[in-house]
């Protein structure tokens, strides 16, 4: 039996969401849905195995949430993301209290994504 978790992240502005998730984080749009023209957007973005749903629908989720993402090459991801020069986020690699290396980004809607690279053996 296999499972996949896909967080739903609340967004309020399509252009700002695209700038952050596509241009800054380097994700791609897999699909988009609106019930009709002018209705809220619901779309799936991904990068490798990282899949997120972005929703303008008010009842889907809460803004200001945090998503924890494990990665096996934090340094390369950090270098790539920060090389794009997104003016609203200046992440730094730090050591978490649990001993792993991390960096965190915050989207324009106060949602946080924490990228974690395991360094501990426990």
PDB file of N, CA and C in Angstrom:
ATOM      1  N   UNK A   1       0.843  -1.170   0.000  1.00  0.00           N
ATOM      2  CA  UNK A   1       0.000   0.000   0.000  1.00  0.00           C
ATOM      3  C   UNK A   1       0.895   1.242   0.000  1.00  0.00           C
ATOM      4  N   UNK A   2       0.623   2.173  -0.885  1.00  0.00           N
ATOM      5  CA  UNK A   2       1.399   3.414  -0.953  1.00  0.00           C
ATOM      6  C   UNK A   2       0.495   4.599  -0.649  1.00  0.00           C
ATOM      7  N   UNK A   3       1.095   5.631  -0.093  1.00  0.00           N
ATOM      8  CA  UNK A   3       0.380   6.862   0.205  1.00  0.00           C
ATOM      9  C   UNK A   3       1.195   8.036  -0.317  1.00  0.00           C
ATOM     10  N   UNK A   4       0.507   9.117  -0.613  1.00  0.00           N
ATOM     11  CA  UNK A   4       1.162  10.369  -0.949  1.00  0.00           C
ATOM     12  C   UNK A   4       0.381  11.478  -0.263  1.00  0.00           C
ATOM     13  N   UNK A   5       1.074  12.326   0.426  1.00  0.00           N
ATOM     14  CA  UNK A   5       0.457  13.477   1.072  1.00  0.00           C
ATOM     15  C   UNK A   5       0.633  14.690   0.174  1.00  0.00           C
ATOM     16  N   UNK A   6      -0.446  15.420  -0.081  1.00  0.00           N
ATOM     17  CA  UNK A   6      -0.381  16.633  -0.892  1.00  0.00           C
ATOM     18  C   UNK A   6      -1.008  17.767  -0.088  1.00  0.00           C
ATOM     19  N   UNK A   7      -0.175  18.656   0.469  1.00  0.00           N
ATOM     20  CA  UNK A   7      -0.728  19.787   1.216  1.00  0.00           C
ATOM     21  C   UNK A   7      -1.520  20.718   0.298  1.00  0.00           C
ATOM     22  N   UNK A   8      -2.579  21.292   0.841  1.00  0.00           N
ATOM     23  CA  UNK A   8      -3.334  22.337   0.152  1.00  0.00           C
ATOM     24  C   UNK A   8      -2.947  23.655   0.809  1.00  0.00           C
ATOM     25  N   UNK A   9      -2.490  24.587  -0.009  1.00  0.00           N
ATOM     26  CA  UNK A   9      -1.982  25.859   0.489  1.00  0.00           C
ATOM     27  C   UNK A   9      -2.887  26.982   0.001  1.00  0.00           C
ATOM     28  N   UNK A  10      -3.324  27.813   0.922  1.00  0.00           N
ATOM     29  CA  UNK A  10      -4.235  28.911   0.605  1.00  0.00           C
ATOM     30  C   UNK A  10      -3.465  30.060  -0.039  1.00  0.00           C
ATOM     31  N   UNK A  11      -3.972  30.525  -1.160  1.00  0.00           N
ATOM     32  CA  UNK A  11      -3.412  31.680  -1.855  1.00  0.00           C
ATOM     33  C   UNK A  11      -4.512  32.718  -2.057  1.00  0.00           C
ATOM     34  N   UNK A  12      -4.107  33.969  -2.261  1.00  0.00           N
ATOM     35  CA  UNK A  12      -5.080  35.050  -2.434  1.00  0.00           C
ATOM     36  C   UNK A  12      -4.879  35.815  -3.731  1.00  0.00           C
ATOM     37  N   UNK A  13      -3.760  35.607  -4.405  1.00  0.00           N
ATOM     38  CA  UNK A  13      -3.439  36.380  -5.594  1.00  0.00           C
ATOM     39  C   UNK A  13      -2.680  35.465  -6.548  1.00  0.00           C
ATOM     40  N   UNK A  14      -3.296  35.172  -7.678  1.00  0.00           N
ATOM     41  CA  UNK A  14      -2.711  34.226  -8.637  1.00  0.00           C
ATOM     42  C   UNK A  14      -1.340  34.677  -9.128  1.00  0.00           C
ATOM     43  N   UNK A  15      -1.176  35.946  -9.463  1.00  0.00           N
ATOM     44  CA  UNK A  15       0.105  36.434  -9.987  1.00  0.00           C
ATOM     45  C   UNK A  15       1.212  36.290  -8.945  1.00  0.00           C
ATOM     46  N   UNK A  16       0.926  36.639  -7.702  1.00  0.00           N
ATOM     47  CA  UNK A  16       1.926  36.507  -6.640  1.00  0.00           C
ATOM     48  C   UNK A  16       2.256  35.038  -6.370  1.00  0.00           C
ATOM     49  N   UNK A  17       1.250  34.186  -6.428  1.00  0.00           N
ATOM     50  CA  UNK A  17       1.481  32.752  -6.225  1.00  0.00           C
ATOM     51  C   UNK A  17       2.370  32.198  -7.332  1.00  0.00           C
ATOM     52  N   UNK A  18       2.108  32.562  -8.562  1.00  0.00           N
ATOM     53  CA  UNK A  18       2.933  32.092  -9.680  1.00  0.00           C
ATOM     54  C   UNK A  18       4.371  32.596  -9.560  1.00  0.00           C
ATOM     55  N   UNK A  19       4.526  33.857  -9.169  1.00  0.00           N
ATOM     56  CA  UNK A  19       5.874  34.406  -9.001  1.00  0.00           C
ATOM     57  C   UNK A  19       6.645  33.615  -7.946  1.00  0.00           C
ATOM     58  N   UNK A  20       6.004  33.308  -6.821  1.00  0.00           N
ATOM     59  CA  UNK A  20       6.675  32.603  -5.733  1.00  0.00           C
ATOM     60  C   UNK A  20       6.919  31.129  -6.056  1.00  0.00           C
ATOM     61  N   UNK A  21       5.852  30.405  -6.406  1.00  0.00           N
ATOM     62  CA  UNK A  21       5.966  28.952  -6.566  1.00  0.00           C
ATOM     63  C   UNK A  21       6.638  28.536  -7.875  1.00  0.00           C
ATOM     64  N   UNK A  22       6.385  29.256  -8.943  1.00  0.00           N
ATOM     65  CA  UNK A  22       6.959  28.878 -10.237  1.00  0.00           C
ATOM     66  C   UNK A  22       8.321  29.529 -10.459  1.00  0.00           C
ATOM     67  N   UNK A  23       8.392  30.838 -10.317  1.00  0.00           N
ATOM     68  CA  UNK A  23       9.641  31.537 -10.620  1.00  0.00           C
ATOM     69  C   UNK A  23      10.683  31.384  -9.519  1.00  0.00           C
ATOM     70  N   UNK A  24      10.297  31.551  -8.259  1.00  0.00           N
ATOM     71  CA  UNK A  24      11.253  31.474  -7.157  1.00  0.00           C
ATOM     72  C   UNK A  24      11.601  30.036  -6.781  1.00  0.00           C
ATOM     73  N   UNK A  25      10.584  29.199  -6.560  1.00  0.00           N
ATOM     74  CA  UNK A  25      10.864  27.816  -6.143  1.00  0.00           C
ATOM     75  C   UNK A  25      11.118  26.870  -7.313  1.00  0.00           C
ATOM     76  N   UNK A  26      10.848  27.301  -8.537  1.00  0.00           N
ATOM     77  CA  UNK A  26      11.138  26.463  -9.702  1.00  0.00           C
ATOM     78  C   UNK A  26      10.177  25.310  -9.894  1.00  0.00           C
ATOM     79  N   UNK A  27       8.947  25.471  -9.420  1.00  0.00           N
ATOM     80  CA  UNK A  27       7.942  24.424  -9.590  1.00  0.00           C
ATOM     81  C   UNK A  27       7.250  24.607 -10.937  1.00  0.00           C
ATOM     82  N   UNK A  28       6.505  23.586 -11.357  1.00  0.00           N
ATOM     83  CA  UNK A  28       5.758  23.622 -12.616  1.00  0.00           C
ATOM     84  C   UNK A  28       4.283  23.409 -12.345  1.00  0.00           C
ATOM     85  N   UNK A  29       3.444  24.001 -13.186  1.00  0.00           N
ATOM     86  CA  UNK A  29       2.001  23.787 -13.072  1.00  0.00           C
ATOM     87  C   UNK A  29       1.658  22.460 -13.740  1.00  0.00           C
ATOM     88  N   UNK A  30       1.009  21.575 -13.008  1.00  0.00           N
ATOM     89  CA  UNK A  30       0.561  20.290 -13.551  1.00  0.00           C
ATOM     90  C   UNK A  30      -0.835  20.413 -14.156  1.00  0.00           C
ATOM     91  N   UNK A  31      -1.706  21.137 -13.460  1.00  0.00           N
ATOM     92  CA  UNK A  31      -3.052  21.393 -13.956  1.00  0.00           C
ATOM     93  C   UNK A  31      -3.668  22.539 -13.171  1.00  0.00           C
ATOM     94  N   UNK A  32      -4.699  23.136 -13.764  1.00  0.00           N
ATOM     95  CA  UNK A  32      -5.443  24.229 -13.142  1.00  0.00           C
ATOM     96  C   UNK A  32      -6.932  23.958 -13.295  1.00  0.00           C
ATOM     97  N   UNK A  33      -7.721  24.443 -12.331  1.00  0.00           N
ATOM     98  CA  UNK A  33      -9.177  24.276 -12.421  1.00  0.00           C
ATOM     99  C   UNK A  33      -9.879  25.517 -11.885  1.00  0.00           C
ATOM    100  N   UNK A  34     -10.900  25.941 -12.606  1.00  0.00           N
ATOM    101  CA  UNK A  34     -11.860  26.953 -12.156  1.00  0.00           C
ATOM    102  C   UNK A  34     -13.224  26.442 -12.573  1.00  0.00           C
ATOM    103  N   UNK A  35     -14.227  26.641 -11.733  1.00  0.00           N
ATOM    104  CA  UNK A  35     -15.571  26.203 -12.103  1.00  0.00           C
ATOM    105  C   UNK A  35     -16.078  26.963 -13.313  1.00  0.00           C
ATOM    106  N   UNK A  36     -15.680  28.226 -13.419  1.00  0.00           N
ATOM    107  CA  UNK A  36     -15.961  29.021 -14.610  1.00  0.00           C
ATOM    108  C   UNK A  36     -15.116  30.292 -14.543  1.00  0.00           C
ATOM    109  N   UNK A  37     -15.090  31.037 -15.617  1.00  0.00           N
ATOM    110  CA  UNK A  37     -14.322  32.283 -15.717  1.00  0.00           C
ATOM    111  C   UNK A  37     -14.605  33.196 -14.522  1.00  0.00           C
ATOM    112  N   UNK A  38     -13.543  33.711 -13.921  1.00  0.00           N
ATOM    113  CA  UNK A  38     -13.689  34.626 -12.800  1.00  0.00           C
ATOM    114  C   UNK A  38     -13.855  33.959 -11.449  1.00  0.00           C
ATOM    115  N   UNK A  39     -13.936  32.641 -11.407  1.00  0.00           N
ATOM    116  CA  UNK A  39     -14.068  31.916 -10.150  1.00  0.00           C
ATOM    117  C   UNK A  39     -12.674  31.654  -9.556  1.00  0.00           C
ATOM    118  N   UNK A  40     -12.598  31.262  -8.271  1.00  0.00           N
ATOM    119  CA  UNK A  40     -11.311  31.003  -7.640  1.00  0.00           C
ATOM    120  C   UNK A  40     -10.523  29.893  -8.359  1.00  0.00           C
ATOM    121  N   UNK A  41      -9.221  30.046  -8.308  1.00  0.00           N
ATOM    122  CA  UNK A  41      -8.297  29.096  -8.920  1.00  0.00           C
ATOM    123  C   UNK A  41      -7.955  27.964  -7.945  1.00  0.00           C
ATOM    124  N   UNK A  42      -7.850  26.759  -8.473  1.00  0.00           N
ATOM    125  CA  UNK A  42      -7.315  25.598  -7.748  1.00  0.00           C
ATOM    126  C   UNK A  42      -6.335  24.950  -8.709  1.00  0.00           C
ATOM    127  N   UNK A  43      -5.069  24.819  -8.293  1.00  0.00           N
ATOM    128  CA  UNK A  43      -4.091  24.237  -9.212  1.00  0.00           C
ATOM    129  C   UNK A  43      -3.080  23.385  -8.472  1.00  0.00           C
ATOM    130  N   UNK A  44      -2.485  22.487  -9.233  1.00  0.00           N
ATOM    131  CA  UNK A  44      -1.434  21.640  -8.693  1.00  0.00           C
ATOM    132  C   UNK A  44      -0.105  22.082  -9.285  1.00  0.00           C
ATOM    133  N   UNK A  45       0.889  22.258  -8.390  1.00  0.00           N
ATOM    134  CA  UNK A  45       2.250  22.560  -8.810  1.00  0.00           C
ATOM    135  C   UNK A  45       3.156  21.465  -8.261  1.00  0.00           C
ATOM    136  N   UNK A  46       4.246  21.226  -8.966  1.00  0.00           N
ATOM    137  CA  UNK A  46       5.155  20.184  -8.491  1.00  0.00           C
ATOM    138  C   UNK A  46       6.586  20.473  -8.906  1.00  0.00           C
ATOM    139  N   UNK A  47       7.447  19.807  -8.205  1.00  0.00           N
ATOM    140  CA  UNK A  47       8.874  19.793  -8.518  1.00  0.00           C
ATOM    141  C   UNK A  47       9.377  18.452  -8.023  1.00  0.00           C
ATOM    142  N   UNK A  48       9.654  17.556  -8.959  1.00  0.00           N
ATOM    143  CA  UNK A  48      10.017  16.199  -8.566  1.00  0.00           C
ATOM    144  C   UNK A  48       8.879  15.567  -7.794  1.00  0.00           C
ATOM    145  N   UNK A  49       9.203  15.001  -6.624  1.00  0.00           N
ATOM    146  CA  UNK A  49       8.191  14.353  -5.789  1.00  0.00           C
ATOM    147  C   UNK A  49       7.417  15.326  -4.902  1.00  0.00           C
ATOM    148  N   UNK A  50       7.826  16.595  -4.889  1.00  0.00           N
ATOM    149  CA  UNK A  50       7.112  17.595  -4.092  1.00  0.00           C
ATOM    150  C   UNK A  50       5.906  18.087  -4.885  1.00  0.00           C
ATOM    151  N   UNK A  51       4.723  17.828  -4.359  1.00  0.00           N
ATOM    152  CA  UNK A  51       3.470  18.207  -5.013  1.00  0.00           C
ATOM    153  C   UNK A  51       2.660  19.042  -4.025  1.00  0.00           C
ATOM    154  N   UNK A  52       2.167  20.190  -4.483  1.00  0.00           N
ATOM    155  CA  UNK A  52       1.341  21.068  -3.670  1.00  0.00           C
ATOM    156  C   UNK A  52       0.084  21.441  -4.439  1.00  0.00           C
ATOM    157  N   UNK A  53      -1.016  21.599  -3.729  1.00  0.00           N
ATOM    158  CA  UNK A  53      -2.227  22.167  -4.301  1.00  0.00           C
ATOM    159  C   UNK A  53      -2.338  23.595  -3.786  1.00  0.00           C
ATOM    160  N   UNK A  54      -2.553  24.530  -4.684  1.00  0.00           N
ATOM    161  CA  UNK A  54      -2.727  25.934  -4.326  1.00  0.00           C
ATOM    162  C   UNK A  54      -4.173  26.296  -4.571  1.00  0.00           C
ATOM    163  N   UNK A  55      -4.811  26.886  -3.575  1.00  0.00           N
ATOM    164  CA  UNK A  55      -6.248  27.136  -3.665  1.00  0.00           C
ATOM    165  C   UNK A  55      -6.613  28.559  -3.273  1.00  0.00           C
ATOM    166  N   UNK A  56      -7.438  29.193  -4.112  1.00  0.00           N
ATOM    167  CA  UNK A  56      -8.043  30.476  -3.770  1.00  0.00           C
ATOM    168  C   UNK A  56      -9.384  30.288  -3.059  1.00  0.00           C
ATOM    169  N   UNK A  57      -9.840  29.067  -2.909  1.00  0.00           N
ATOM    170  CA  UNK A  57     -11.125  28.784  -2.255  1.00  0.00           C
ATOM    171  C   UNK A  57     -10.985  28.974  -0.745  1.00  0.00           C
ATOM    172  N   UNK A  58     -11.830  29.804  -0.167  1.00  0.00           N
ATOM    173  CA  UNK A  58     -11.690  30.169   1.244  1.00  0.00           C
ATOM    174  C   UNK A  58     -11.895  28.999   2.204  1.00  0.00           C
ATOM    175  N   UNK A  59     -12.657  28.006   1.852  1.00  0.00           N
ATOM    176  CA  UNK A  59     -12.925  26.913   2.770  1.00  0.00           C
ATOM    177  C   UNK A  59     -11.944  25.756   2.706  1.00  0.00           C
ATOM    178  N   UNK A  60     -10.976  25.814   1.825  1.00  0.00           N
ATOM    179  CA  UNK A  60     -10.078  24.676   1.638  1.00  0.00           C
ATOM    180  C   UNK A  60      -9.007  24.541   2.710  1.00  0.00           C
ATOM    181  N   UNK A  61      -8.495  25.634   3.203  1.00  0.00           N
ATOM    182  CA  UNK A  61      -7.383  25.558   4.137  1.00  0.00           C
ATOM    183  C   UNK A  61      -7.180  26.909   4.804  1.00  0.00           C
ATOM    184  N   UNK A  62      -6.214  26.965   5.701  1.00  0.00           N
ATOM    185  CA  UNK A  62      -5.970  28.158   6.486  1.00  0.00           C
ATOM    186  C   UNK A  62      -4.670  28.823   6.055  1.00  0.00           C
ATOM    187  N   UNK A  63      -4.684  30.122   5.783  1.00  0.00           N
ATOM    188  CA  UNK A  63      -3.428  30.809   5.480  1.00  0.00           C
ATOM    189  C   UNK A  63      -2.521  30.805   6.704  1.00  0.00           C
ATOM    190  N   UNK A  64      -1.241  30.860   6.480  1.00  0.00           N
ATOM    191  CA  UNK A  64      -0.286  30.861   7.581  1.00  0.00           C
ATOM    192  C   UNK A  64       0.119  29.474   8.030  1.00  0.00           C
ATOM    193  N   UNK A  65      -0.118  28.472   7.208  1.00  0.00           N
ATOM    194  CA  UNK A  65       0.255  27.093   7.548  1.00  0.00           C
ATOM    195  C   UNK A  65       1.732  26.851   7.264  1.00  0.00           C
ATOM    196  N   UNK A  66       2.232  25.723   7.742  1.00  0.00           N
ATOM    197  CA  UNK A  66       3.632  25.362   7.541  1.00  0.00           C
ATOM    198  C   UNK A  66       3.712  23.956   6.967  1.00  0.00           C
ATOM    199  N   UNK A  67       4.542  23.792   5.933  1.00  0.00           N
ATOM    200  CA  UNK A  67       4.761  22.498   5.298  1.00  0.00           C
ATOM    201  C   UNK A  67       6.222  22.107   5.500  1.00  0.00           C
ATOM    202  N   UNK A  68       6.453  20.890   5.950  1.00  0.00           N
ATOM    203  CA  UNK A  68       7.796  20.357   6.216  1.00  0.00           C
ATOM    204  C   UNK A  68       8.176  19.465   5.051  1.00  0.00           C
ATOM    205  N   UNK A  69       9.298  19.759   4.385  1.00  0.00           N
ATOM    206  CA  UNK A  69       9.713  19.023   3.195  1.00  0.00           C
ATOM    207  C   UNK A  69      11.123  18.482   3.401  1.00  0.00           C
ATOM    208  N   UNK A  70      11.288  17.161   3.349  1.00  0.00           N
ATOM    209  CA  UNK A  70      12.614  16.561   3.405  1.00  0.00           C
ATOM    210  C   UNK A  70      13.260  16.597   2.030  1.00  0.00           C
ATOM    211  N   UNK A  71      14.556  16.864   1.995  1.00  0.00           N
ATOM    212  CA  UNK A  71      15.324  16.851   0.757  1.00  0.00           C
ATOM    213  C   UNK A  71      16.676  16.205   1.021  1.00  0.00           C
ATOM    214  N   UNK A  72      17.282  15.637  -0.002  1.00  0.00           N
ATOM    215  CA  UNK A  72      18.577  14.992   0.175  1.00  0.00           C
ATOM    216  C   UNK A  72      19.737  15.866  -0.305  1.00  0.00           C
ATOM    217  N   UNK A  73      19.455  17.064  -0.827  1.00  0.00           N
ATOM    218  CA  UNK A  73      20.519  17.966  -1.264  1.00  0.00           C
ATOM    219  C   UNK A  73      20.113  19.413  -0.986  1.00  0.00           C
ATOM    220  N   UNK A  74      20.107  19.745   0.281  1.00  0.00           N
ATOM    221  CA  UNK A  74      19.670  21.063   0.720  1.00  0.00           C
ATOM    222  C   UNK A  74      20.520  22.174   0.117  1.00  0.00           C
ATOM    223  N   UNK A  75      21.808  21.965   0.079  1.00  0.00           N
ATOM    224  CA  UNK A  75      22.729  22.990  -0.425  1.00  0.00           C
ATOM    225  C   UNK A  75      22.431  23.345  -1.882  1.00  0.00           C
ATOM    226  N   UNK A  76      22.250  22.348  -2.733  1.00  0.00           N
ATOM    227  CA  UNK A  76      21.955  22.605  -4.150  1.00  0.00           C
ATOM    228  C   UNK A  76      20.607  23.302  -4.313  1.00  0.00           C
ATOM    229  N   UNK A  77      19.600  22.865  -3.570  1.00  0.00           N
ATOM    230  CA  UNK A  77      18.291  23.505  -3.630  1.00  0.00           C
ATOM    231  C   UNK A  77      18.392  24.954  -3.173  1.00  0.00           C
ATOM    232  N   UNK A  78      19.078  25.185  -2.070  1.00  0.00           N
ATOM    233  CA  UNK A  78      19.252  26.534  -1.545  1.00  0.00           C
ATOM    234  C   UNK A  78      19.955  27.428  -2.568  1.00  0.00           C
ATOM    235  N   UNK A  79      21.052  26.940  -3.141  1.00  0.00           N
ATOM    236  CA  UNK A  79      21.801  27.723  -4.129  1.00  0.00           C
ATOM    237  C   UNK A  79      20.925  28.078  -5.327  1.00  0.00           C
ATOM    238  N   UNK A  80      20.162  27.118  -5.805  1.00  0.00           N
ATOM    239  CA  UNK A  80      19.297  27.353  -6.961  1.00  0.00           C
ATOM    240  C   UNK A  80      18.203  28.367  -6.646  1.00  0.00           C
ATOM    241  N   UNK A  81      17.513  28.166  -5.540  1.00  0.00           N
ATOM    242  CA  UNK A  81      16.400  29.036  -5.178  1.00  0.00           C
ATOM    243  C   UNK A  81      16.885  30.462  -4.908  1.00  0.00           C
ATOM    244  N   UNK A  82      17.946  30.608  -4.142  1.00  0.00           N
ATOM    245  CA  UNK A  82      18.410  31.949  -3.791  1.00  0.00           C
ATOM    246  C   UNK A  82      19.080  32.668  -4.967  1.00  0.00           C
ATOM    247  N   UNK A  83      19.516  31.930  -5.963  1.00  0.00           N
ATOM    248  CA  UNK A  83      20.127  32.575  -7.138  1.00  0.00           C
ATOM    249  C   UNK A  83      19.099  33.348  -7.958  1.00  0.00           C
ATOM    250  N   UNK A  84      17.826  33.093  -7.738  1.00  0.00           N
ATOM    251  CA  UNK A  84      16.769  33.757  -8.509  1.00  0.00           C
ATOM    252  C   UNK A  84      16.459  35.162  -8.000  1.00  0.00           C
ATOM    253  N   UNK A  85      16.957  35.501  -6.824  1.00  0.00           N
ATOM    254  CA  UNK A  85      16.825  36.856  -6.327  1.00  0.00           C
ATOM    255  C   UNK A  85      15.418  37.333  -6.043  1.00  0.00           C
ATOM    256  N   UNK A  86      14.576  36.488  -5.491  1.00  0.00           N
ATOM    257  CA  UNK A  86      13.218  36.890  -5.098  1.00  0.00           C
ATOM    258  C   UNK A  86      13.328  37.922  -3.977  1.00  0.00           C
ATOM    259  N   UNK A  87      12.844  39.113  -4.209  1.00  0.00           N
ATOM    260  CA  UNK A  87      13.101  40.218  -3.288  1.00  0.00           C
ATOM    261  C   UNK A  87      12.359  40.133  -1.960  1.00  0.00           C
ATOM    262  N   UNK A  88      11.377  39.261  -1.841  1.00  0.00           N
ATOM    263  CA  UNK A  88      10.602  39.173  -0.602  1.00  0.00           C
ATOM    264  C   UNK A  88      11.051  38.053   0.319  1.00  0.00           C
ATOM    265  N   UNK A  89      12.100  37.330  -0.046  1.00  0.00           N
ATOM    266  CA  UNK A  89      12.559  36.222   0.789  1.00  0.00           C
ATOM    267  C   UNK A  89      14.073  36.101   0.697  1.00  0.00           C
ATOM    268  N   UNK A  90      14.710  36.088   1.849  1.00  0.00           N
ATOM    269  CA  UNK A  90      16.152  35.918   1.938  1.00  0.00           C
ATOM    270  C   UNK A  90      16.453  34.771   2.911  1.00  0.00           C
ATOM    271  N   UNK A  91      16.182  33.535   2.487  1.00  0.00           N
ATOM    272  CA  UNK A  91      16.386  32.403   3.406  1.00  0.00           C
ATOM    273  C   UNK A  91      17.858  32.193   3.721  1.00  0.00           C
ATOM    274  N   UNK A  92      18.094  31.537   4.836  1.00  0.00           N
ATOM    275  CA  UNK A  92      19.442  31.163   5.262  1.00  0.00           C
ATOM    276  C   UNK A  92      19.429  29.715   5.714  1.00  0.00           C
ATOM    277  N   UNK A  93      20.511  29.010   5.443  1.00  0.00           N
ATOM    278  CA  UNK A  93      20.651  27.649   5.966  1.00  0.00           C
ATOM    279  C   UNK A  93      21.083  27.747   7.422  1.00  0.00           C
ATOM    280  N   UNK A  94      20.360  27.025   8.274  1.00  0.00           N
ATOM    281  CA  UNK A  94      20.689  26.980   9.692  1.00  0.00           C
ATOM    282  C   UNK A  94      20.636  25.529  10.157  1.00  0.00           C
ATOM    283  N   UNK A  95      21.039  25.326  11.387  1.00  0.00           N
ATOM    284  CA  UNK A  95      20.926  24.005  12.011  1.00  0.00           C
ATOM    285  C   UNK A  95      19.719  24.032  12.937  1.00  0.00           C
ATOM    286  N   UNK A  96      18.820  23.103  12.716  1.00  0.00           N
ATOM    287  CA  UNK A  96      17.608  23.018  13.533  1.00  0.00           C
ATOM    288  C   UNK A  96      17.936  22.488  14.922  1.00  0.00           C
ATOM    289  N   UNK A  97      17.040  22.707  15.845  1.00  0.00           N
ATOM    290  CA  UNK A  97      17.245  22.225  17.218  1.00  0.00           C
ATOM    291  C   UNK A  97      17.379  20.706  17.279  1.00  0.00           C
ATOM    292  N   UNK A  98      16.845  20.005  16.274  1.00  0.00           N
ATOM    293  CA  UNK A  98      16.944  18.538  16.231  1.00  0.00           C
ATOM    294  C   UNK A  98      18.195  18.076  15.493  1.00  0.00           C
ATOM    295  N   UNK A  99      19.045  19.026  15.037  1.00  0.00           N
ATOM    296  CA  UNK A  99      20.342  18.686  14.468  1.00  0.00           C
ATOM    297  C   UNK A  99      20.414  18.666  12.953  1.00  0.00           C
ATOM    298  N   UNK A 100      19.304  18.718  12.254  1.00  0.00           N
ATOM    299  CA  UNK A 100      19.308  18.709  10.785  1.00  0.00           C
ATOM    300  C   UNK A 100      19.565  20.109  10.246  1.00  0.00           C
ATOM    301  N   UNK A 101      19.982  20.176   8.983  1.00  0.00           N
ATOM    302  CA  UNK A 101      20.175  21.454   8.300  1.00  0.00           C
ATOM    303  C   UNK A 101      18.854  21.832   7.634  1.00  0.00           C
ATOM    304  N   UNK A 102      18.492  23.110   7.732  1.00  0.00           N
ATOM    305  CA  UNK A 102      17.201  23.561   7.227  1.00  0.00           C
ATOM    306  C   UNK A 102      17.314  24.953   6.587  1.00  0.00           C
ATOM    307  N   UNK A 103      16.342  25.268   5.737  1.00  0.00           N
ATOM    308  CA  UNK A 103      16.046  26.650   5.409  1.00  0.00           C
ATOM    309  C   UNK A 103      14.557  26.761   5.165  1.00  0.00           C
ATOM    310  N   UNK A 104      14.043  27.953   5.434  1.00  0.00           N
ATOM    311  CA  UNK A 104      12.609  28.158   5.350  1.00  0.00           C
ATOM    312  C   UNK A 104      12.300  29.339   4.439  1.00  0.00           C
ATOM    313  N   UNK A 105      11.241  29.196   3.657  1.00  0.00           N
ATOM    314  CA  UNK A 105      10.743  30.290   2.830  1.00  0.00           C
ATOM    315  C   UNK A 105       9.303  30.573   3.234  1.00  0.00           C
ATOM    316  N   UNK A 106       8.897  31.817   3.037  1.00  0.00           N
ATOM    317  CA  UNK A 106       7.536  32.232   3.371  1.00  0.00           C
ATOM    318  C   UNK A 106       6.913  32.807   2.113  1.00  0.00           C
ATOM    319  N   UNK A 107       5.758  32.274   1.724  1.00  0.00           N
ATOM    320  CA  UNK A 107       5.098  32.761   0.506  1.00  0.00           C
ATOM    321  C   UNK A 107       4.377  34.089   0.787  1.00  0.00           C
ATOM    322  N   UNK A 108       3.851  34.746  -0.229  1.00  0.00           N
ATOM    323  CA  UNK A 108       3.195  36.041  -0.028  1.00  0.00           C
ATOM    324  C   UNK A 108       1.934  35.994   0.831  1.00  0.00           C
ATOM    325  N   UNK A 109       1.500  34.811   1.221  1.00  0.00           N
ATOM    326  CA  UNK A 109       0.263  34.641   1.980  1.00  0.00           C
ATOM    327  C   UNK A 109       0.539  34.120   3.389  1.00  0.00           C
ATOM    328  N   UNK A 110       1.800  34.226   3.823  1.00  0.00           N
ATOM    329  CA  UNK A 110       2.283  33.824   5.153  1.00  0.00           C
ATOM    330  C   UNK A 110       2.351  32.322   5.367  1.00  0.00           C
ATOM    331  N   UNK A 111       2.296  31.537   4.296  1.00  0.00           N
ATOM    332  CA  UNK A 111       2.510  30.097   4.404  1.00  0.00           C
ATOM    333  C   UNK A 111       4.010  29.841   4.409  1.00  0.00           C
ATOM    334  N   UNK A 112       4.445  28.929   5.240  1.00  0.00           N
ATOM    335  CA  UNK A 112       5.875  28.626   5.375  1.00  0.00           C
ATOM    336  C   UNK A 112       6.169  27.236   4.822  1.00  0.00           C
ATOM    337  N   UNK A 113       7.308  27.134   4.141  1.00  0.00           N
ATOM    338  CA  UNK A 113       7.802  25.832   3.685  1.00  0.00           C
ATOM    339  C   UNK A 113       9.200  25.677   4.264  1.00  0.00           C
ATOM    340  N   UNK A 114       9.368  24.654   5.089  1.00  0.00           N
ATOM    341  CA  UNK A 114      10.647  24.374   5.713  1.00  0.00           C
ATOM    342  C   UNK A 114      11.280  23.197   4.990  1.00  0.00           C
ATOM    343  N   UNK A 115      12.431  23.438   4.381  1.00  0.00           N
ATOM    344  CA  UNK A 115      13.181  22.387   3.703  1.00  0.00           C
ATOM    345  C   UNK A 115      14.194  21.837   4.693  1.00  0.00           C
ATOM    346  N   UNK A 116      14.228  20.526   4.839  1.00  0.00           N
ATOM    347  CA  UNK A 116      15.016  19.838   5.851  1.00  0.00           C
ATOM    348  C   UNK A 116      15.909  18.782   5.199  1.00  0.00           C
ATOM    349  N   UNK A 117      17.185  18.787   5.593  1.00  0.00           N
ATOM    350  CA  UNK A 117      18.093  17.721   5.155  1.00  0.00           C
ATOM    351  C   UNK A 117      18.575  17.004   6.419  1.00  0.00           C
ATOM    352  N   UNK A 118      18.269  15.720   6.462  1.00  0.00           N
ATOM    353  CA  UNK A 118      18.655  14.920   7.629  1.00  0.00           C
ATOM    354  C   UNK A 118      20.157  14.831   7.741  1.00  0.00           C
ATOM    355  N   UNK A 119      20.646  15.156   8.898  1.00  0.00           N
ATOM    356  CA  UNK A 119      22.071  14.960   9.181  1.00  0.00           C
ATOM    357  C   UNK A 119      22.241  14.056  10.387  1.00  0.00           C
ATOM    358  N   UNK A 120      21.179  13.913  11.184  1.00  0.00           N
ATOM    359  CA  UNK A 120      21.241  13.060  12.349  1.00  0.00           C
ATOM    360  C   UNK A 120      20.957  11.612  11.942  1.00  0.00           C
ATOM    361  N   UNK A 121      21.412  10.709  12.745  1.00  0.00           N
ATOM    362  CA  UNK A 121      21.246   9.279  12.435  1.00  0.00           C
ATOM    363  C   UNK A 121      20.072   8.663  13.188  1.00  0.00           C
ATOM    364  N   UNK A 122      19.429   9.416  14.044  1.00  0.00           N
ATOM    365  CA  UNK A 122      18.310   8.856  14.812  1.00  0.00           C
ATOM    366  C   UNK A 122      16.984   9.243  14.209  1.00  0.00           C
TER     367      UNK A 122
END
